[in-house]
């Protein structure tokens, strides 16, 4: 009987250690890419129909911190008599970048932060143009509510995790 109790305690301890270590694990590359693609889909869905402020928050909050949501909404959401909506734009600030999601998309991680970045060469033709090569980066942080996108950066300098 004593052996069974010790065996049970040992199993519970091992299970607890596994649970604790699983909480500290970062997202895999594939999970990170899927998360960003779902976040972009959530952003784009805000142009489908008029919504209330609460509905907009409900769409964005699984993916974005409150501060990031405020920046995105201020830049892209318009108030109309029917409600709030996002119109088409050539300004993509605070949108998830159009990453290639291949070897060109780099991921840097530490315990509570993931930075996803890609280097973009000049784009001189098309509806959206830019003349200088640059990096576009998204920072994802671990919060009490899970992983959330907290920052968007466009820079000529290669980003690093700090």
Protein backbone atom coordinates (compact mmCIF):
# COMPACT_ATOMS: atom_id res chain seq x y z
CA UNK A 1 0.00 0.00 0.00
CA UNK A 2 2.85 2.37 0.88
CA UNK A 3 4.48 1.74 -2.49
CA UNK A 4 1.25 2.64 -4.28
CA UNK A 5 0.97 5.92 -2.38
CA UNK A 6 4.59 6.83 -3.19
CA UNK A 7 4.05 5.87 -6.82
CA UNK A 8 0.92 8.04 -6.95
CA UNK A 9 2.76 10.98 -5.38
CA UNK A 10 5.62 10.54 -7.82
CA UNK A 11 3.22 10.56 -10.79
CA UNK A 12 1.50 13.69 -9.48
CA UNK A 13 4.87 15.40 -9.04
CA UNK A 14 6.00 14.48 -12.55
CA UNK A 15 2.68 15.70 -13.96
CA UNK A 16 3.04 19.00 -12.08
CA UNK A 17 6.59 19.54 -13.35
CA UNK A 18 5.45 18.81 -16.92
CA UNK A 19 2.56 21.27 -16.50
CA UNK A 20 4.87 24.00 -15.21
CA UNK A 21 7.40 23.52 -18.00
CA UNK A 22 4.65 23.45 -20.64
CA UNK A 23 3.49 26.90 -19.47
CA UNK A 24 6.93 28.37 -20.19
CA UNK A 25 7.27 26.97 -23.69
CA UNK A 26 7.10 29.43 -26.56
CA UNK A 27 4.91 28.82 -29.57
CA UNK A 28 6.38 26.71 -32.35
CA UNK A 29 7.20 28.32 -35.68
CA UNK A 30 4.04 26.83 -37.23
CA UNK A 31 1.87 27.95 -34.28
CA UNK A 32 3.33 31.45 -34.51
CA UNK A 33 2.60 31.66 -38.24
CA UNK A 34 -0.94 30.37 -37.75
CA UNK A 35 -1.49 32.86 -34.92
CA UNK A 36 -0.38 35.77 -37.13
CA UNK A 37 -2.51 34.60 -40.07
CA UNK A 38 -5.56 34.34 -37.81
CA UNK A 39 -4.81 37.79 -36.37
CA UNK A 40 -4.65 39.26 -39.89
CA UNK A 41 -7.94 37.55 -40.77
CA UNK A 42 -9.49 39.10 -37.67
CA UNK A 43 -8.25 42.54 -38.71
CA UNK A 44 -9.53 42.17 -42.26
CA UNK A 45 -12.93 40.93 -41.07
CA UNK A 46 -13.59 44.37 -39.61
CA UNK A 47 -14.32 45.60 -43.13
CA UNK A 48 -17.12 43.06 -43.64
CA UNK A 49 -19.90 44.85 -41.77
CA UNK A 50 -20.68 47.59 -39.29
CA UNK A 51 -19.95 46.69 -35.68
CA UNK A 52 -20.15 48.13 -32.20
CA UNK A 53 -17.01 49.06 -30.28
CA UNK A 54 -17.49 45.94 -28.14
CA UNK A 55 -17.77 43.72 -31.21
CA UNK A 56 -14.52 45.16 -32.56
CA UNK A 57 -12.83 44.47 -29.25
CA UNK A 58 -14.22 40.92 -29.24
CA UNK A 59 -12.73 40.29 -32.70
CA UNK A 60 -9.30 41.73 -31.88
CA UNK A 61 -8.77 40.80 -28.22
CA UNK A 62 -7.81 37.14 -28.76
CA UNK A 63 -4.77 38.35 -30.72
CA UNK A 64 -3.83 41.88 -29.66
CA UNK A 65 -3.05 43.73 -26.44
CA UNK A 66 -5.43 46.54 -25.50
CA UNK A 67 -2.84 49.19 -26.36
CA UNK A 68 -2.26 47.68 -29.79
CA UNK A 69 -6.01 47.50 -30.41
CA UNK A 70 -6.32 51.22 -29.61
CA UNK A 71 -3.59 52.09 -32.13
CA UNK A 72 -5.13 49.90 -34.83
CA UNK A 73 -8.66 51.22 -34.24
CA UNK A 74 -7.51 54.86 -34.23
CA UNK A 75 -5.74 54.32 -37.56
CA UNK A 76 -8.24 52.14 -39.42
CA UNK A 77 -11.75 52.13 -37.92
CA UNK A 78 -14.29 54.78 -38.86
CA UNK A 79 -17.48 55.76 -37.08
CA UNK A 80 -20.60 55.93 -39.24
CA UNK A 81 -24.28 56.23 -38.28
CA UNK A 82 -24.66 52.44 -38.76
CA UNK A 83 -21.69 51.66 -36.47
CA UNK A 84 -17.94 51.23 -36.83
CA UNK A 85 -16.23 49.84 -39.91
CA UNK A 86 -12.86 49.55 -41.58
CA UNK A 87 -12.53 50.79 -45.14
CA UNK A 88 -9.93 49.75 -47.71
CA UNK A 89 -6.60 51.50 -47.37
CA UNK A 90 -3.13 51.83 -48.84
CA UNK A 91 -1.75 52.46 -45.34
CA UNK A 92 -0.94 49.22 -43.59
CA UNK A 93 0.36 50.50 -40.26
CA UNK A 94 -0.63 48.11 -37.44
CA UNK A 95 -1.75 45.38 -39.83
CA UNK A 96 0.07 42.08 -39.67
CA UNK A 97 2.68 42.41 -42.43
CA UNK A 98 2.33 40.40 -45.62
CA UNK A 99 4.95 37.89 -44.56
CA UNK A 100 5.97 35.12 -46.93
CA UNK A 101 5.83 32.60 -44.04
CA UNK A 102 8.86 30.77 -45.42
CA UNK A 103 12.61 30.86 -44.74
CA UNK A 104 12.58 34.64 -45.26
CA UNK A 105 10.35 35.10 -42.22
CA UNK A 106 12.59 35.06 -39.16
CA UNK A 107 11.57 34.37 -35.57
CA UNK A 108 13.48 35.44 -32.46
CA UNK A 109 12.32 34.25 -29.06
CA UNK A 110 12.97 34.48 -25.40
CA UNK A 111 10.90 33.27 -22.47
CA UNK A 112 8.03 35.76 -22.78
CA UNK A 113 8.53 37.41 -26.16
CA UNK A 114 8.51 36.45 -29.82
CA UNK A 115 9.62 38.80 -32.59
CA UNK A 116 8.65 37.89 -36.12
CA UNK A 117 10.41 39.84 -38.84
CA UNK A 118 11.01 39.84 -42.55
CA UNK A 119 13.22 41.96 -44.79
CA UNK A 120 11.36 43.59 -47.67
CA UNK A 121 13.11 44.86 -50.79
CA UNK A 122 11.89 48.02 -52.53
CA UNK A 123 8.46 47.70 -54.16
CA UNK A 124 8.22 50.20 -57.00
CA UNK A 125 5.10 48.95 -58.77
CA UNK A 126 1.60 48.05 -57.69
CA UNK A 127 -1.01 49.62 -55.47
CA UNK A 128 1.40 49.85 -52.50
CA UNK A 129 4.96 51.06 -53.13
CA UNK A 130 8.00 51.74 -50.99
CA UNK A 131 11.39 52.88 -52.18
CA UNK A 132 13.68 51.73 -49.39
CA UNK A 133 14.36 48.20 -48.23
CA UNK A 134 13.19 47.66 -44.67
CA UNK A 135 12.27 45.19 -41.95
CA UNK A 136 8.71 44.74 -40.76
CA UNK A 137 8.40 43.22 -37.33
CA UNK A 138 5.64 42.09 -35.03
CA UNK A 139 6.26 41.50 -31.32
CA UNK A 140 4.16 38.91 -29.51
CA UNK A 141 4.30 38.87 -25.71
CA UNK A 142 3.09 36.38 -23.15
CA UNK A 143 0.30 37.85 -21.03
CA UNK A 144 -1.94 36.39 -18.34
CA UNK A 145 -4.52 35.83 -21.09
CA UNK A 146 -2.03 34.09 -23.41
CA UNK A 147 0.12 35.25 -26.32
CA UNK A 148 -0.82 38.71 -27.68
CA UNK A 149 0.58 40.98 -30.36
CA UNK A 150 1.94 44.08 -28.66
CA UNK A 151 4.06 45.96 -31.17
CA UNK A 152 4.53 46.68 -34.87
CA UNK A 153 7.79 48.10 -36.19
CA UNK A 154 9.07 49.18 -39.58
CA UNK A 155 12.80 49.81 -39.55
CA UNK A 156 15.83 49.95 -41.82
CA UNK A 157 17.80 48.32 -39.00
CA UNK A 158 17.63 44.62 -38.30
CA UNK A 159 15.54 44.09 -35.16
CA UNK A 160 16.84 42.24 -32.13
CA UNK A 161 15.27 40.79 -29.04
CA UNK A 162 16.01 42.88 -25.95
